[in-house]
Amino acid sequence: MVRVLICLAALLGLAQWALWRGEGGLGTLSSLKAATEQQIAENSRLQERNRALAAEVADLKVGIAAVEELARSELGLVRADEVFFHVLGPRPGSGDAAE
């Protein structure tokens, strides 16, 4: 009977060692929890950076459109696939002007 109790105590001790110190035990679990929390924090930081970059891209797209419109109206910008027609009014002193 004593031998059976000693064997059971040894098995219990071995199971406890595996739980606390073995692969997949509580030590591994706590290190995985810490790594998960660190990764969540990193992901949050990167998501915020992505939001900021997306906002910057949107601003640049709107800004480019505004600059292009200004260049069209002020400087006569013409794209490569467009044809520009410049319509001239009557020349001063030519007599074609309505008086």
C-alpha atoms as a PDB file:
ATOM      1  CA  MET A   1       0.000   0.000   0.000  1.00  0.00           C
ATOM      2  CA  VAL A   2       2.860   2.356   0.806  1.00  0.00           C
ATOM      3  CA  ARG A   3       4.457   1.692  -2.568  1.00  0.00           C
ATOM      4  CA  VAL A   4       1.206   2.555  -4.330  1.00  0.00           C
ATOM      5  CA  LEU A   5       0.969   5.825  -2.371  1.00  0.00           C
ATOM      6  CA  ILE A   6       4.588   6.652  -3.207  1.00  0.00           C
ATOM      7  CA  CYS A   7       3.957   5.938  -6.902  1.00  0.00           C
ATOM      8  CA  LEU A   8       0.813   8.079  -6.864  1.00  0.00           C
ATOM      9  CA  ALA A   9       2.662  10.902  -5.097  1.00  0.00           C
ATOM     10  CA  ALA A  10       5.446  10.681  -7.681  1.00  0.00           C
ATOM     11  CA  LEU A  11       2.936  10.799 -10.526  1.00  0.00           C
ATOM     12  CA  LEU A  12       1.206  13.753  -8.896  1.00  0.00           C
ATOM     13  CA  GLY A  13       4.544  15.519  -8.513  1.00  0.00           C
ATOM     14  CA  LEU A  14       5.414  14.815 -12.138  1.00  0.00           C
ATOM     15  CA  ALA A  15       2.045  16.185 -13.290  1.00  0.00           C
ATOM     16  CA  GLN A  16       2.528  19.298 -11.166  1.00  0.00           C
ATOM     17  CA  TRP A  17       6.024  19.812 -12.588  1.00  0.00           C
ATOM     18  CA  ALA A  18       4.642  19.543 -16.126  1.00  0.00           C
ATOM     19  CA  LEU A  19       1.886  22.023 -15.266  1.00  0.00           C
ATOM     20  CA  TRP A  20       4.195  24.633 -13.767  1.00  0.00           C
ATOM     21  CA  ARG A  21       7.466  24.173 -15.647  1.00  0.00           C
ATOM     22  CA  GLY A  22       6.853  22.010 -18.698  1.00  0.00           C
ATOM     23  CA  GLU A  23       6.166  22.913 -22.301  1.00  0.00           C
ATOM     24  CA  GLY A  24       2.723  24.480 -22.551  1.00  0.00           C
ATOM     25  CA  GLY A  25       2.642  25.084 -18.815  1.00  0.00           C
ATOM     26  CA  LEU A  26       1.763  28.187 -16.868  1.00  0.00           C
ATOM     27  CA  GLY A  27       5.143  29.809 -17.538  1.00  0.00           C
ATOM     28  CA  THR A  28       4.626  29.480 -21.273  1.00  0.00           C
ATOM     29  CA  LEU A  29       1.077  30.742 -20.916  1.00  0.00           C
ATOM     30  CA  SER A  30       2.169  33.909 -19.101  1.00  0.00           C
ATOM     31  CA  SER A  31       4.879  34.640 -21.684  1.00  0.00           C
ATOM     32  CA  LEU A  32       2.370  34.143 -24.507  1.00  0.00           C
ATOM     33  CA  LYS A  33      -0.077  36.525 -22.798  1.00  0.00           C
ATOM     34  CA  ALA A  34       2.653  39.164 -22.526  1.00  0.00           C
ATOM     35  CA  ALA A  35       3.601  38.705 -26.193  1.00  0.00           C
ATOM     36  CA  THR A  36      -0.071  38.962 -27.201  1.00  0.00           C
ATOM     37  CA  GLU A  37      -0.530  42.211 -25.261  1.00  0.00           C
ATOM     38  CA  GLN A  38       2.619  43.633 -26.847  1.00  0.00           C
ATOM     39  CA  GLN A  39       1.401  42.661 -30.332  1.00  0.00           C
ATOM     40  CA  ILE A  40      -2.016  44.241 -29.683  1.00  0.00           C
ATOM     41  CA  ALA A  41      -0.312  47.487 -28.663  1.00  0.00           C
ATOM     42  CA  GLU A  42       1.884  47.386 -31.787  1.00  0.00           C
ATOM     43  CA  ASN A  43      -1.153  46.725 -33.991  1.00  0.00           C
ATOM     44  CA  SER A  44      -2.999  49.679 -32.458  1.00  0.00           C
ATOM     45  CA  ARG A  45      -0.017  51.939 -33.126  1.00  0.00           C
ATOM     46  CA  LEU A  46       0.225  50.750 -36.722  1.00  0.00           C
ATOM     47  CA  GLN A  47      -3.524  51.152 -37.295  1.00  0.00           C
ATOM     48  CA  GLU A  48      -3.303  54.760 -36.102  1.00  0.00           C
ATOM     49  CA  ARG A  49      -0.333  55.337 -38.410  1.00  0.00           C
ATOM     50  CA  ASN A  50      -2.295  53.837 -41.325  1.00  0.00           C
ATOM     51  CA  ARG A  51      -5.254  56.124 -40.569  1.00  0.00           C
ATOM     52  CA  ALA A  52      -2.945  59.143 -40.573  1.00  0.00           C
ATOM     53  CA  LEU A  53      -1.360  58.075 -43.866  1.00  0.00           C
ATOM     54  CA  ALA A  54      -4.775  57.490 -45.454  1.00  0.00           C
ATOM     55  CA  ALA A  55      -5.865  60.972 -44.372  1.00  0.00           C
ATOM     56  CA  GLU A  56      -2.668  62.424 -45.842  1.00  0.00           C
ATOM     57  CA  VAL A  57      -3.265  60.621 -49.141  1.00  0.00           C
ATOM     58  CA  ALA A  58      -6.845  61.925 -49.258  1.00  0.00           C
ATOM     59  CA  ASP A  59      -5.604  65.462 -48.575  1.00  0.00           C
ATOM     60  CA  LEU A  60      -2.995  65.156 -51.300  1.00  0.00           C
ATOM     61  CA  LYS A  61      -5.582  63.919 -53.801  1.00  0.00           C
ATOM     62  CA  VAL A  62      -7.893  66.826 -53.018  1.00  0.00           C
ATOM     63  CA  GLY A  63      -4.947  69.200 -52.990  1.00  0.00           C
ATOM     64  CA  ILE A  64      -3.762  68.004 -56.390  1.00  0.00           C
ATOM     65  CA  ALA A  65      -7.224  68.499 -57.842  1.00  0.00           C
ATOM     66  CA  ALA A  66      -7.346  72.020 -56.433  1.00  0.00           C
ATOM     67  CA  VAL A  67      -3.884  72.832 -57.790  1.00  0.00           C
ATOM     68  CA  GLU A  68      -4.825  71.398 -61.193  1.00  0.00           C
ATOM     69  CA  GLU A  69      -8.008  73.484 -61.322  1.00  0.00           C
ATOM     70  CA  LEU A  70      -6.042  76.611 -60.426  1.00  0.00           C
ATOM     71  CA  ALA A  71      -3.433  75.806 -63.100  1.00  0.00           C
ATOM     72  CA  ARG A  72      -6.192  75.284 -65.676  1.00  0.00           C
ATOM     73  CA  SER A  73      -7.906  78.584 -64.964  1.00  0.00           C
ATOM     74  CA  GLU A  74      -4.852  80.755 -64.299  1.00  0.00           C
ATOM     75  CA  LEU A  75      -2.141  79.220 -66.467  1.00  0.00           C
ATOM     76  CA  GLY A  76      -4.071  77.429 -69.209  1.00  0.00           C
ATOM     77  CA  LEU A  77      -2.978  73.908 -68.238  1.00  0.00           C
ATOM     78  CA  VAL A  78      -3.839  71.313 -70.875  1.00  0.00           C
ATOM     79  CA  ARG A  79      -3.507  67.574 -70.402  1.00  0.00           C
ATOM     80  CA  ALA A  80      -1.867  65.374 -73.022  1.00  0.00           C
ATOM     81  CA  ASP A  81      -5.218  63.924 -74.150  1.00  0.00           C
ATOM     82  CA  GLU A  82      -6.948  67.301 -74.509  1.00  0.00           C
ATOM     83  CA  VAL A  83      -7.034  69.875 -77.301  1.00  0.00           C
ATOM     84  CA  PHE A  84      -6.733  73.529 -76.402  1.00  0.00           C
ATOM     85  CA  PHE A  85      -8.640  76.167 -78.362  1.00  0.00           C
ATOM     86  CA  HIS A  86      -7.858  79.793 -77.711  1.00  0.00           C
ATOM     87  CA  VAL A  87     -10.616  82.072 -79.002  1.00  0.00           C
ATOM     88  CA  LEU A  88      -9.491  85.624 -79.647  1.00  0.00           C
ATOM     89  CA  GLY A  89     -11.791  88.591 -79.554  1.00  0.00           C
ATOM     90  CA  PRO A  90     -11.755  91.346 -82.184  1.00  0.00           C
ATOM     91  CA  ARG A  91      -8.528  93.307 -82.554  1.00  0.00           C
ATOM     92  CA  PRO A  92      -8.592  96.801 -81.232  1.00  0.00           C
ATOM     93  CA  GLY A  93      -9.015  99.369 -84.010  1.00  0.00           C
ATOM     94  CA  SER A  94     -10.059  96.835 -86.659  1.00  0.00           C
ATOM     95  CA  GLY A  95     -13.562  98.186 -87.120  1.00  0.00           C
ATOM     96  CA  ASP A  96     -15.154  94.806 -86.347  1.00  0.00           C
ATOM     97  CA  ALA A  97     -16.054  95.906 -82.873  1.00  0.00           C
ATOM     98  CA  ALA A  98     -19.633  96.853 -82.177  1.00  0.00           C
ATOM     99  CA  GLU A  99     -19.859 100.515 -81.347  1.00  0.00           C
END
